[in-house]
Amino acid sequence: MKVVQMPPDVAEASDPPNDVRRRSKASQFRQLLTAPELDFIMEAHDGVSARIVEEAGFPAIWASGLTISTALGVRDRNEASWTQVIDVLDFMADATSIPILLDGDTGYGDFNNFRRLVRKLCQRDIAAVCVEDKTFPKTNSFVDGPQALAEVGEFCGKIKAGKDSQLDSEFSIIARIEALIAGRGMDEALRRAEAYHATGADGILIHSKESTADEVMAFASEWAGRCPLVIVPTMYYATPTENFRKADISLVIWANHNLRASITAMRDISRHIFQEQSVTAVEGSVASLRDVFRLAGNSELAEAEKRYLPVSGDSCRAVVLAASRGSALADLTEDKPKCMLDVRGEPILARLARALGDAGVQDVTVVCGYKHEAVDVPRIRKVINPEFDSTGEAASLARAVEDMSGTTIVSYGDIVFRSYILDLLLKCDADIAVVVDAHPGEGARRGMDLACCSRAHARQNLDDVPVTLESIGQEVAEESAHGEWIGLAKFSARGVDLLRAEIAAMSDDETLSQAGLPNVLQRLVAHGEKPRVVYVMGDWLDVNDAFGLANARNFM
């Protein structure tokens, strides 16, 4: 029997079903890894293959470095960057509800690259990562030629950096040992395993390219269940599964079979259609379009449209505040406002307008000021604040009061963000909702709008306990803040009425001209409103200077 430590939140057999459903994917994977019985996970390389794996009944997914690279048309030698892999994982995670174990190769560099990777995986709800003890760039274990191993001390440091950086306490790091692959022998494999386990690895993956499982079984016998053991029987596939159970293996990874099956199928179909110049003979042997639409989730979208699309003709609008020059950007904004600065071939404002449009927000008003004639973005309405250089955001917003009706998004014009953030905001049914980054980084930046909320961000699902805004602005003390407002808010029809009234009151008491948008929100809070907080963890940034612009280009 393998010796494992059950996580506290999964050890109680009496946990009700609701608690099971609320466990994070990392917690689900940890339970799978540490359970006493053998289990199996299956390879996937994109959203549709991940969904197929879940439909087949597998409890978790192996996001294979080999198959993701191959699906992208590159070699399994870190030719696909870690950010490109993360993009693929985003689709896989969105398409499924089961945990994903990423094949993280060698961690994409040194300890610093690896700890950044771990943070990003946690932010995207990826359950675990497997990292192998070879040098960067990695060479696939089954490719002929030398396999260079990392020094034990260096790899232990990488594991420790990863464990120190994980944002979810249940996130797992599996240390993959390549000593047998590299011909370094059993003693070296065991020495490395013991060192990695002592450093904090949550599991050990012992890898072999032999056609039999003899050396893997010998390792398992010597290892004696000191922590969960994972294997990948790609080469010793003929070994009876019962042998793995007897050896107290924790997890078997079927590592590349979906991609290999798809290559065979696509090659056969393509050749047949090319030769016959017709699809008549193959139509019955391929998936139907109905099945394709089902896998893509079309039926869910149809139900969502019934639930969320307006029936009265009311639609969501947006007001974007983009009147400022961005003086910290110096010569870059000499002939255009910062909202029109190029980020990988597209102005910041165009990206924002497109993101709004993709989310169903087609009616977009942009409040311009500095060099307003240079603001040229399709399908927006421009409103001019001629006093942009002597007034604040609230005064700019006042210029667009007539464009606010029904549900309205209010956004700064110099931010970029992942699309899911806007989706989360639109799903919030509060009269006023604000997006707050729960992990804005260490130390308050100049001009940072901090938010004090009714409670801090929680890893567990607490959707039935809404978080509300208590105070906001640059005056909020860093030690009492729960995050940073990112410059994105939503107002319902009632919320818009409240906003209009507050703007009118500020005009009457002559506080409007110099006020920022956080001042308006703070006044609403002071009058008894409880804006709902939508927490995110990164995945956005603002462009205030050349450094921010460079970051935006890397971000996109």
Protein backbone atom coordinates (compact mmCIF):
# COMPACT_ATOMS: atom_id res chain seq x y z
CA MET A 1 0.00 0.00 0.00
CA LYS A 2 1.43 3.37 -0.94
CA VAL A 3 2.07 5.73 1.95
CA VAL A 4 0.48 9.13 1.32
CA GLN A 5 -0.68 12.20 3.23
CA MET A 6 -4.31 13.12 2.59
CA PRO A 7 -4.99 16.86 2.31
CA PRO A 8 -7.11 18.15 5.21
CA ASP A 9 -10.10 19.10 3.08
CA VAL A 10 -10.38 15.71 1.39
CA ALA A 11 -9.61 13.42 4.33
CA GLU A 12 -13.11 13.55 5.80
CA ALA A 13 -15.28 10.84 4.29
CA SER A 14 -18.36 12.62 5.60
CA ASP A 15 -17.87 15.74 3.45
CA PRO A 16 -21.16 16.59 1.74
CA PRO A 17 -21.36 16.58 -2.08
CA ASN A 18 -21.43 20.40 -2.24
CA ASP A 19 -17.98 20.54 -0.62
CA VAL A 20 -16.66 18.10 -3.21
CA ARG A 21 -17.95 20.28 -6.03
CA ARG A 22 -16.36 23.37 -4.49
CA ARG A 23 -12.86 21.97 -4.28
CA SER A 24 -10.37 23.65 -6.54
CA LYS A 25 -8.97 21.69 -9.45
CA ALA A 26 -5.64 21.61 -7.61
CA SER A 27 -7.36 19.98 -4.63
CA GLN A 28 -9.08 17.46 -6.91
CA PHE A 29 -5.76 16.50 -8.46
CA ARG A 30 -4.04 16.26 -5.07
CA GLN A 31 -6.73 13.83 -3.94
CA LEU A 32 -6.24 11.79 -7.12
CA LEU A 33 -2.47 11.73 -6.66
CA THR A 34 -2.58 10.68 -3.02
CA ALA A 35 -5.47 8.21 -3.14
CA PRO A 36 -4.49 4.61 -2.28
CA GLU A 37 -5.76 3.13 -5.55
CA LEU A 38 -4.11 3.35 -8.99
CA ASP A 39 -5.63 5.86 -11.41
CA PHE A 40 -5.07 6.98 -14.99
CA ILE A 41 -4.94 10.31 -16.81
CA MET A 42 -5.04 10.95 -20.54
CA GLU A 43 -3.20 13.25 -22.89
CA ALA A 44 -4.83 16.26 -24.53
CA HIS A 45 -3.32 19.08 -26.56
CA ASP A 46 -6.15 21.56 -27.20
CA GLY A 47 -9.65 22.44 -26.04
CA VAL A 48 -11.55 19.82 -28.02
CA SER A 49 -9.21 16.94 -27.16
CA ALA A 50 -9.40 17.99 -23.49
CA ARG A 51 -13.19 17.88 -23.62
CA ILE A 52 -13.06 14.44 -25.26
CA VAL A 53 -10.79 13.19 -22.46
CA GLU A 54 -13.27 14.39 -19.85
CA GLU A 55 -16.22 12.87 -21.71
CA ALA A 56 -14.40 9.54 -21.82
CA GLY A 57 -14.41 9.50 -18.02
CA PHE A 58 -10.80 10.29 -17.13
CA PRO A 59 -10.46 12.16 -13.82
CA ALA A 60 -7.65 14.45 -15.06
CA ILE A 61 -5.78 15.57 -18.16
CA TRP A 62 -2.10 15.36 -19.10
CA ALA A 63 -1.23 18.50 -21.07
CA SER A 64 1.67 16.98 -22.94
CA GLY A 65 4.61 19.11 -24.02
CA LEU A 66 5.24 16.78 -26.96
CA THR A 67 1.68 16.85 -28.28
CA ILE A 68 1.04 20.55 -27.69
CA SER A 69 4.29 21.35 -29.52
CA THR A 70 3.44 18.97 -32.35
CA ALA A 71 -0.09 20.37 -32.67
CA LEU A 72 1.52 23.81 -33.02
CA GLY A 73 3.77 22.45 -35.74
CA VAL A 74 7.07 22.73 -33.85
CA ARG A 75 9.52 20.32 -32.22
CA ASP A 76 9.39 19.22 -28.59
CA ARG A 77 12.47 21.25 -27.71
CA ASN A 78 10.99 24.36 -26.11
CA GLU A 79 10.38 25.86 -29.55
CA ALA A 80 6.91 26.77 -28.31
CA SER A 81 7.36 29.41 -25.61
CA TRP A 82 5.80 29.00 -22.20
CA THR A 83 3.37 31.83 -22.92
CA GLN A 84 2.18 30.02 -26.05
CA VAL A 85 1.68 26.87 -23.99
CA ILE A 86 -0.26 28.90 -21.41
CA ASP A 87 -2.54 30.16 -24.18
CA VAL A 88 -3.33 26.55 -25.14
CA LEU A 89 -3.94 25.69 -21.48
CA ASP A 90 -6.42 28.56 -21.21
CA PHE A 91 -8.60 26.93 -23.85
CA MET A 92 -8.19 23.47 -22.33
CA ALA A 93 -9.12 24.67 -18.84
CA ASP A 94 -12.12 26.65 -20.11
CA ALA A 95 -13.39 23.61 -22.04
CA THR A 96 -13.31 21.22 -19.08
CA SER A 97 -14.10 20.87 -15.38
CA ILE A 98 -11.44 18.29 -14.45
CA PRO A 99 -7.89 19.10 -13.30
CA ILE A 100 -4.96 19.48 -15.69
CA LEU A 101 -1.38 18.34 -15.06
CA LEU A 102 0.97 20.30 -17.31
CA ASP A 103 4.06 18.72 -18.76
CA GLY A 104 6.26 21.68 -17.85
CA ASP A 105 9.43 20.34 -19.50
CA THR A 106 12.39 21.75 -17.54
CA GLY A 107 10.41 24.72 -16.24
CA TYR A 108 11.30 26.87 -19.27
CA GLY A 109 14.57 28.07 -17.77
CA ASP A 110 16.02 28.50 -14.31
CA PHE A 111 14.26 28.77 -10.94
CA ASN A 112 13.04 32.28 -11.76
CA ASN A 113 11.31 31.20 -14.96
CA PHE A 114 9.79 28.25 -13.13
CA ARG A 115 8.36 30.22 -10.24
CA ARG A 116 6.77 32.65 -12.68
CA LEU A 117 5.30 29.70 -14.57
CA VAL A 118 3.86 28.26 -11.34
CA ARG A 119 2.18 31.56 -10.46
CA LYS A 120 0.63 31.81 -13.92
CA LEU A 121 -0.62 28.22 -13.76
CA CYS A 122 -2.26 28.87 -10.40
CA GLN A 123 -3.93 31.99 -11.78
CA ARG A 124 -5.43 29.91 -14.57
CA ASP A 125 -6.63 27.13 -12.24
CA ILE A 126 -4.18 24.56 -13.62
CA ALA A 127 -3.89 21.87 -10.96
CA ALA A 128 -0.27 20.73 -11.20
CA VAL A 129 2.95 20.80 -13.17
CA CYS A 130 5.52 18.12 -13.91
CA VAL A 131 9.10 19.38 -14.26
CA GLU A 132 12.00 17.24 -15.44
CA ASP A 133 15.59 17.35 -14.20
CA LYS A 134 17.29 18.05 -17.54
CA THR A 135 18.91 21.20 -18.84
CA PHE A 136 17.13 23.88 -20.86
CA PRO A 137 16.27 23.64 -23.71
CA LYS A 138 15.00 20.11 -23.16
CA THR A 139 15.41 17.21 -25.55
CA ASN A 140 12.55 14.73 -25.83
CA SER A 141 13.37 11.62 -23.81
CA PHE A 142 12.77 9.29 -26.76
CA VAL A 143 14.96 11.16 -29.24
CA ASP A 144 18.34 9.54 -29.91
CA GLY A 145 21.36 11.36 -28.57
CA PRO A 146 22.75 12.54 -25.22
CA GLN A 147 20.40 13.67 -22.45
CA ALA A 148 21.99 16.35 -20.26
CA LEU A 149 20.82 16.24 -16.63
CA ALA A 150 20.65 19.26 -14.35
CA GLU A 151 22.70 19.29 -11.17
CA VAL A 152 20.75 17.97 -8.20
CA GLY A 153 21.23 21.14 -6.15
CA GLU A 154 20.07 23.35 -9.00
CA PHE A 155 16.95 21.26 -9.58
CA CYS A 156 16.13 21.19 -5.87
CA GLY A 157 16.31 24.99 -5.90
CA LYS A 158 13.87 25.02 -8.81
CA ILE A 159 11.40 22.82 -6.91
CA LYS A 160 11.67 24.99 -3.81
CA ALA A 161 11.13 28.16 -5.85
CA GLY A 162 8.03 26.61 -7.37
CA LYS A 163 6.58 25.54 -4.02
CA ASP A 164 7.29 28.97 -2.54
CA SER A 165 5.50 30.65 -5.44
CA GLN A 166 2.30 28.61 -5.75
CA LEU A 167 -0.85 30.63 -5.08
CA ASP A 168 -2.92 27.55 -4.17
CA SER A 169 -1.68 25.43 -1.28
CA GLU A 170 -3.02 22.32 -3.03
CA PHE A 171 -1.11 22.94 -6.27
CA SER A 172 1.19 19.99 -6.97
CA ILE A 173 4.70 19.84 -8.38
CA ILE A 174 5.75 16.46 -9.77
CA ALA A 175 9.52 15.96 -10.11
CA ARG A 176 10.33 13.93 -13.21
CA ILE A 177 13.56 11.93 -12.99
CA GLU A 178 15.47 11.34 -16.23
CA ALA A 179 18.43 9.45 -14.79
CA LEU A 180 17.33 6.14 -16.34
CA ILE A 181 16.72 7.85 -19.69
CA ALA A 182 20.22 9.33 -19.56
CA GLY A 183 21.81 5.96 -18.68
CA ARG A 184 22.92 7.10 -15.22
CA GLY A 185 21.55 4.03 -13.44
CA MET A 186 19.26 3.12 -10.58
CA ASP A 187 21.38 4.51 -7.75
CA GLU A 188 21.46 7.94 -9.36
CA ALA A 189 17.70 7.83 -9.98
CA LEU A 190 17.02 6.97 -6.33
CA ARG A 191 19.47 9.61 -5.08
CA ARG A 192 17.73 12.27 -7.11
CA ALA A 193 14.27 11.10 -6.07
CA GLU A 194 15.16 11.30 -2.40
CA ALA A 195 16.60 14.79 -2.80
CA TYR A 196 13.58 16.07 -4.71
CA HIS A 197 11.14 14.53 -2.25
CA ALA A 198 13.00 16.08 0.69
CA THR A 199 12.89 19.48 -1.04
CA GLY A 200 9.10 19.38 -1.29
CA ALA A 201 8.09 17.64 -4.53
CA ASP A 202 4.53 16.34 -4.17
CA GLY A 203 5.21 13.32 -6.36
CA ILE A 204 7.95 11.58 -8.32
CA LEU A 205 7.68 10.61 -11.99
CA ILE A 206 10.21 7.93 -12.89
CA HIS A 207 10.76 7.77 -16.64
CA SER A 208 12.13 4.97 -18.78
CA LYS A 209 12.45 4.25 -22.49
CA GLU A 210 12.94 0.50 -22.10
CA SER A 211 10.44 -1.80 -23.80
CA THR A 212 9.75 -3.56 -20.50
CA ALA A 213 8.83 -2.11 -17.14
CA ASP A 214 11.65 -3.91 -15.30
CA GLU A 215 13.66 -0.88 -14.25
CA VAL A 216 10.53 1.13 -13.36
CA MET A 217 9.34 -1.76 -11.18
CA ALA A 218 12.76 -2.02 -9.57
CA PHE A 219 12.66 1.68 -8.78
CA ALA A 220 9.15 1.38 -7.33
CA SER A 221 10.30 -1.46 -5.10
CA GLU A 222 13.23 0.55 -3.77
CA TRP A 223 11.16 3.71 -3.43
CA ALA A 224 8.65 1.90 -1.21
CA GLY A 225 5.89 4.50 -1.35
CA ARG A 226 7.77 7.37 0.24
CA CYS A 227 5.58 9.69 -1.80
CA PRO A 228 3.24 9.22 -4.80
CA LEU A 229 4.91 7.63 -7.83
CA VAL A 230 3.87 8.45 -11.40
CA ILE A 231 4.82 6.54 -14.56
CA VAL A 232 4.47 6.99 -18.33
CA PRO A 233 4.34 3.54 -20.01
CA THR A 234 4.72 4.81 -23.57
CA MET A 235 7.47 2.31 -24.41
CA TYR A 236 6.57 -0.52 -22.04
CA TYR A 237 2.92 -0.38 -23.06
CA ALA A 238 2.56 -4.18 -23.11
CA THR A 239 3.02 -4.41 -19.33
CA PRO A 240 -0.23 -5.61 -17.68
CA THR A 241 -1.89 -2.85 -15.71
CA GLU A 242 -2.23 -5.15 -12.73
CA ASN A 243 1.56 -5.07 -12.37
CA PHE A 244 1.37 -1.32 -11.77
CA ARG A 245 -1.23 -1.84 -9.05
CA LYS A 246 0.94 -4.42 -7.30
CA ALA A 247 3.90 -2.00 -7.42
CA ASP A 248 1.85 0.70 -5.62
CA ILE A 249 2.07 3.13 -8.53
CA SER A 250 -0.14 6.15 -7.88
CA LEU A 251 -0.81 7.46 -11.36
CA VAL A 252 -0.35 6.24 -14.93
CA ILE A 253 -0.14 8.80 -17.73
CA TRP A 254 -1.26 7.79 -21.22
CA ALA A 255 0.94 10.48 -22.67
CA ASN A 256 0.45 11.00 -26.42
CA HIS A 257 -2.18 8.69 -27.85
CA ASN A 258 -4.87 11.23 -28.76
CA LEU A 259 -2.49 13.20 -30.94
CA ARG A 260 -1.09 10.04 -32.53
CA ALA A 261 -4.61 8.78 -33.24
CA SER A 262 -5.62 12.11 -34.79
CA ILE A 263 -2.54 12.12 -37.05
CA THR A 264 -3.42 8.68 -38.38
CA ALA A 265 -7.06 9.62 -38.93
CA MET A 266 -6.35 12.98 -40.57
CA ARG A 267 -3.70 11.49 -42.84
CA ASP A 268 -6.02 8.71 -44.03
CA ILE A 269 -8.97 11.05 -44.61
CA SER A 270 -6.87 13.67 -46.41
CA ARG A 271 -5.30 11.11 -48.73
CA HIS A 272 -8.65 9.53 -49.52
CA ILE A 273 -10.36 12.85 -50.30
CA PHE A 274 -7.39 13.98 -52.40
CA GLN A 275 -7.45 10.80 -54.45
CA GLU A 276 -11.23 10.54 -54.84
CA GLN A 277 -11.94 14.27 -55.19
CA SER A 278 -15.09 13.59 -53.23
CA VAL A 279 -16.14 13.27 -49.57
CA THR A 280 -19.07 10.93 -50.24
CA ALA A 281 -17.31 7.76 -49.14
CA VAL A 282 -15.87 9.20 -45.92
CA GLU A 283 -18.87 11.14 -44.63
CA GLY A 284 -20.11 8.22 -42.54
CA SER A 285 -16.70 7.55 -40.96
CA VAL A 286 -16.03 11.02 -39.55
CA ALA A 287 -17.68 12.90 -36.71
CA SER A 288 -20.90 14.65 -37.67
CA LEU A 289 -21.17 18.42 -37.66
CA ARG A 290 -23.73 18.02 -34.91
CA ASP A 291 -21.08 16.30 -32.80
CA VAL A 292 -18.61 19.08 -33.60
CA PHE A 293 -21.12 21.71 -32.50
CA ARG A 294 -21.90 19.71 -29.36
CA LEU A 295 -18.22 19.52 -28.41
CA ALA A 296 -17.88 23.24 -29.03
CA GLY A 297 -20.73 23.92 -26.58
CA ASN A 298 -23.26 25.39 -29.02
CA SER A 299 -26.25 24.13 -27.03
CA GLU A 300 -24.98 25.85 -23.89
CA LEU A 301 -24.63 29.09 -25.84
CA ALA A 302 -28.21 28.80 -27.08
CA GLU A 303 -29.46 28.41 -23.51
CA ALA A 304 -27.26 31.28 -22.34
CA GLU A 305 -28.66 33.54 -25.06
CA LYS A 306 -32.17 32.84 -23.78
CA ARG A 307 -31.08 33.70 -20.27
CA TYR A 308 -28.84 36.69 -20.81
CA LEU A 309 -29.76 38.45 -24.05
CA PRO A 310 -32.17 41.33 -23.47
CA VAL A 311 -35.76 40.79 -24.49
CA SER A 312 -36.79 44.45 -24.30
CA GLY A 313 -34.25 45.82 -26.72
CA ASP A 314 -32.05 47.10 -23.88
CA SER A 315 -28.37 46.48 -24.53
CA CYS A 316 -25.14 46.99 -22.66
CA ARG A 317 -23.23 50.18 -23.48
CA ALA A 318 -19.73 51.32 -22.64
CA VAL A 319 -18.07 54.63 -21.87
CA VAL A 320 -14.29 54.73 -22.24
CA LEU A 321 -12.35 57.58 -20.63
CA ALA A 322 -9.44 58.40 -22.93
CA ALA A 323 -8.96 62.16 -22.76
CA SER A 324 -5.45 62.33 -21.30
CA ARG A 325 -2.21 62.60 -23.21
CA GLY A 326 -0.05 60.35 -21.08
CA SER A 327 2.71 62.86 -20.42
CA ALA A 328 5.00 60.21 -18.89
CA LEU A 329 5.22 58.68 -22.36
CA ALA A 330 7.03 61.81 -23.60
CA ASP A 331 7.64 61.91 -27.36
CA LEU A 332 5.51 58.82 -27.96
CA THR A 333 2.38 60.90 -27.36
CA GLU A 334 3.50 64.06 -29.15
CA ASP A 335 1.01 63.58 -31.97
CA LYS A 336 -1.53 61.18 -30.43
CA PRO A 337 -3.08 60.35 -27.02
CA LYS A 338 -1.79 57.28 -25.23
CA CYS A 339 -4.96 55.34 -26.02
CA MET A 340 -3.82 55.29 -29.66
CA LEU A 341 -0.35 53.91 -28.97
CA ASP A 342 0.39 50.75 -30.90
CA VAL A 343 0.46 47.41 -29.10
CA ARG A 344 1.51 44.71 -31.53
CA GLY A 345 -0.08 46.29 -34.59
CA GLU A 346 -3.23 47.68 -32.98
CA PRO A 347 -3.94 50.77 -30.87
CA ILE A 348 -4.77 50.20 -27.20
CA LEU A 349 -8.22 51.72 -27.72
CA ALA A 350 -8.93 49.51 -30.73
CA ARG A 351 -8.09 46.44 -28.65
CA LEU A 352 -10.39 47.62 -25.90
CA ALA A 353 -13.24 48.36 -28.31
CA ARG A 354 -12.80 44.93 -29.89
CA ALA A 355 -12.83 43.22 -26.49
CA LEU A 356 -16.06 45.04 -25.64
CA GLY A 357 -17.57 44.07 -28.99
CA ASP A 358 -16.59 40.42 -28.54
CA ALA A 359 -18.43 40.47 -25.20
CA GLY A 360 -21.57 41.84 -26.89
CA VAL A 361 -21.04 45.51 -26.01
CA GLN A 362 -21.39 47.21 -29.38
CA ASP A 363 -22.39 50.75 -28.34
CA VAL A 364 -19.09 52.35 -27.26
CA THR A 365 -18.64 56.03 -26.44
CA VAL A 366 -15.08 57.32 -26.05
CA VAL A 367 -14.43 60.57 -24.20
CA CYS A 368 -11.47 62.15 -26.00
CA GLY A 369 -9.44 65.25 -25.26
CA TYR A 370 -5.77 65.54 -26.14
CA LYS A 371 -5.26 65.22 -29.92
CA HIS A 372 -8.82 63.96 -30.25
CA GLU A 373 -8.62 64.17 -34.03
CA ALA A 374 -6.04 61.32 -33.90
CA VAL A 375 -8.55 58.96 -32.27
CA ASP A 376 -9.62 56.86 -35.23
CA VAL A 377 -11.20 53.57 -34.24
CA PRO A 378 -14.11 51.95 -36.11
CA ARG A 379 -17.60 51.77 -34.58
CA ILE A 380 -17.12 54.18 -31.69
CA ARG A 381 -18.80 57.48 -30.88
CA LYS A 382 -16.47 60.28 -29.82
CA VAL A 383 -17.32 62.87 -27.17
CA ILE A 384 -14.84 65.67 -26.57
CA ASN A 385 -13.73 67.06 -23.22
CA PRO A 386 -12.06 70.33 -24.28
CA GLU A 387 -10.90 70.94 -20.70
CA PHE A 388 -9.05 67.62 -20.50
CA ASP A 389 -5.80 69.24 -19.31
CA SER A 390 -7.41 70.94 -16.31
CA THR A 391 -10.09 68.44 -15.25
CA GLY A 392 -10.18 64.86 -14.00
CA GLU A 393 -11.89 61.63 -14.96
CA ALA A 394 -15.21 62.53 -13.35
CA ALA A 395 -15.50 65.61 -15.56
CA SER A 396 -14.78 63.49 -18.62
CA LEU A 397 -17.43 60.99 -17.54
CA ALA A 398 -19.91 63.85 -17.14
CA ARG A 399 -19.44 64.65 -20.84
CA ALA A 400 -20.87 61.21 -21.66
CA VAL A 401 -23.86 61.31 -19.30
CA GLU A 402 -26.28 61.36 -22.22
CA ASP A 403 -24.72 58.17 -23.57
CA MET A 404 -25.32 56.23 -20.35
CA SER A 405 -28.58 54.30 -20.21
CA GLY A 406 -29.40 50.79 -19.19
CA THR A 407 -26.42 48.64 -18.28
CA THR A 408 -23.17 50.57 -18.84
CA ILE A 409 -19.52 49.58 -18.63
CA VAL A 410 -17.14 52.37 -17.63
CA SER A 411 -13.48 51.79 -18.46
CA TYR A 412 -10.21 53.64 -18.52
CA GLY A 413 -8.83 53.94 -22.03
CA ASP A 414 -5.27 52.83 -21.23
CA ILE A 415 -5.84 49.29 -19.91
CA VAL A 416 -5.47 45.88 -21.54
CA PHE A 417 -6.84 42.72 -20.01
CA ARG A 418 -7.71 39.09 -20.72
CA SER A 419 -11.22 38.69 -22.10
CA TYR A 420 -12.46 36.55 -19.22
CA ILE A 421 -12.22 39.57 -16.89
CA LEU A 422 -14.89 41.40 -18.88
CA ASP A 423 -16.99 38.22 -18.92
CA LEU A 424 -16.82 38.01 -15.11
CA LEU A 425 -17.85 41.65 -14.80
CA LEU A 426 -20.78 41.28 -17.17
CA LYS A 427 -22.03 38.23 -15.26
CA CYS A 428 -22.17 40.17 -12.00
CA ASP A 429 -25.79 41.18 -11.36
CA ALA A 430 -25.09 43.97 -8.86
CA ASP A 431 -26.18 47.57 -9.51
CA ILE A 432 -22.54 48.64 -9.27
CA ALA A 433 -19.60 46.28 -9.77
CA VAL A 434 -15.85 46.96 -9.82
CA VAL A 435 -12.94 44.73 -10.84
CA VAL A 436 -10.21 44.46 -8.22
CA ASP A 437 -6.86 42.74 -8.68
CA ALA A 438 -6.27 40.71 -5.52
CA HIS A 439 -2.56 40.34 -6.29
CA PRO A 440 -1.36 43.68 -7.68
CA GLY A 441 2.29 43.05 -6.80
CA GLU A 442 4.58 44.11 -4.00
CA GLY A 443 4.50 47.78 -2.97
CA ALA A 444 2.07 50.44 -4.05
CA ARG A 445 2.88 52.11 -7.37
CA ARG A 446 2.44 55.83 -7.78
CA GLY A 447 -1.17 56.57 -8.64
CA MET A 448 -2.38 53.12 -7.65
CA ASP A 449 -6.11 53.04 -6.74
CA LEU A 450 -6.27 50.64 -3.82
CA ALA A 451 -9.50 49.00 -2.68
CA CYS A 452 -10.56 48.00 0.82
CA CYS A 453 -13.26 45.31 0.60
CA SER A 454 -15.60 43.44 2.92
CA ARG A 455 -13.23 40.49 2.79
CA ALA A 456 -10.06 39.41 1.04
CA HIS A 457 -10.03 37.19 -2.00
CA ALA A 458 -10.61 33.52 -1.09
CA ARG A 459 -9.38 30.51 -3.02
CA GLN A 460 -12.45 28.45 -2.23
CA ASN A 461 -15.74 29.06 -3.97
CA LEU A 462 -17.64 31.60 -1.86
CA ASP A 463 -20.01 32.91 -4.52
CA ASP A 464 -22.84 32.87 -1.98
CA VAL A 465 -20.94 35.41 0.15
CA PRO A 466 -20.68 38.56 -2.04
CA VAL A 467 -17.68 40.83 -1.58
CA THR A 468 -18.47 44.54 -1.43
CA LEU A 469 -16.37 47.67 -1.76
CA GLU A 470 -15.79 49.63 1.46
CA SER A 471 -13.34 52.29 0.29
CA ILE A 472 -11.31 53.06 -2.81
CA GLY A 473 -8.62 55.45 -3.98
CA GLN A 474 -5.02 56.47 -3.56
CA GLU A 475 -5.76 57.43 0.03
CA VAL A 476 -6.47 53.83 1.09
CA ALA A 477 -3.63 52.56 3.28
CA GLU A 478 -1.69 49.75 1.65
CA GLU A 479 -1.82 47.60 4.79
CA SER A 480 -5.63 47.68 4.85
CA ALA A 481 -6.13 47.21 1.10
CA HIS A 482 -7.33 43.96 -0.44
CA GLY A 483 -6.24 44.80 -3.97
CA GLU A 484 -6.09 47.37 -6.74
CA TRP A 485 -9.00 48.65 -8.80
CA ILE A 486 -8.06 48.08 -12.43
CA GLY A 487 -10.18 50.90 -13.92
CA LEU A 488 -13.15 48.78 -15.01
CA ALA A 489 -16.69 49.02 -13.59
CA LYS A 490 -20.26 48.13 -14.52
CA PHE A 491 -23.50 49.95 -13.66
CA SER A 492 -27.00 48.54 -14.03
CA ALA A 493 -29.87 50.80 -15.08
CA ARG A 494 -30.35 51.72 -11.41
CA GLY A 495 -26.58 52.08 -11.02
CA VAL A 496 -26.48 54.50 -13.95
CA ASP A 497 -29.22 56.56 -12.31
CA LEU A 498 -27.16 56.68 -9.12
CA LEU A 499 -24.08 57.65 -11.11
CA ARG A 500 -25.92 60.43 -12.93
CA ALA A 501 -27.26 61.80 -9.65
CA GLU A 502 -23.81 61.74 -8.06
CA ILE A 503 -22.22 63.54 -11.00
CA ALA A 504 -24.95 66.20 -10.80
CA ALA A 505 -24.39 66.59 -7.03
CA MET A 506 -20.63 66.95 -7.55
CA SER A 507 -21.24 69.59 -10.19
CA ASP A 508 -23.46 71.47 -7.75
CA ASP A 509 -20.91 71.35 -4.91
CA GLU A 510 -18.08 72.20 -7.32
CA THR A 511 -16.05 69.03 -6.63
CA LEU A 512 -16.57 67.50 -10.05
CA SER A 513 -13.83 69.13 -12.11
CA GLN A 514 -10.86 67.75 -10.14
CA ALA A 515 -12.36 64.42 -9.09
CA GLY A 516 -11.25 61.03 -10.30
CA LEU A 517 -13.57 58.12 -10.91
CA PRO A 518 -12.57 56.53 -7.55
CA ASN A 519 -13.85 59.72 -5.85
CA VAL A 520 -17.25 59.18 -7.46
CA LEU A 521 -17.31 55.55 -6.33
CA GLN A 522 -16.26 56.56 -2.83
CA ARG A 523 -19.15 59.03 -2.61
CA LEU A 524 -21.58 56.31 -3.68
CA VAL A 525 -20.23 54.09 -0.90
CA ALA A 526 -20.56 56.95 1.59
CA HIS A 527 -24.24 57.28 0.62
CA GLY A 528 -24.90 53.65 1.51
CA GLU A 529 -24.33 51.86 -1.79
CA LYS A 530 -22.41 48.58 -1.68
CA PRO A 531 -20.61 48.09 -5.02
CA ARG A 532 -19.90 44.41 -5.68
CA VAL A 533 -16.24 43.41 -6.02
CA VAL A 534 -15.19 41.09 -8.85
CA TYR A 535 -11.78 39.71 -7.89
CA VAL A 536 -9.13 38.78 -10.44
CA MET A 537 -5.48 37.83 -10.05
CA GLY A 538 -3.38 39.66 -12.61
CA ASP A 539 -4.07 39.25 -16.35
CA TRP A 540 -4.33 43.00 -16.92
CA LEU A 541 -2.13 46.09 -16.95
CA ASP A 542 -2.30 49.81 -17.58
CA VAL A 543 -0.08 51.91 -19.84
CA ASN A 544 1.20 54.92 -17.94
CA ASP A 545 4.78 55.12 -19.18
CA ALA A 546 7.24 53.52 -21.62
CA PHE A 547 7.78 50.62 -19.23
CA GLY A 548 4.03 49.96 -19.13
CA LEU A 549 3.87 50.13 -22.94
CA ALA A 550 6.66 47.56 -23.25
CA ASN A 551 4.86 45.33 -20.77
CA ALA A 552 1.64 45.65 -22.77
CA ARG A 553 3.41 44.51 -25.92
CA ASN A 554 4.80 41.49 -24.10
CA PHE A 555 1.43 40.87 -22.45
CA MET A 556 -0.39 40.71 -25.76
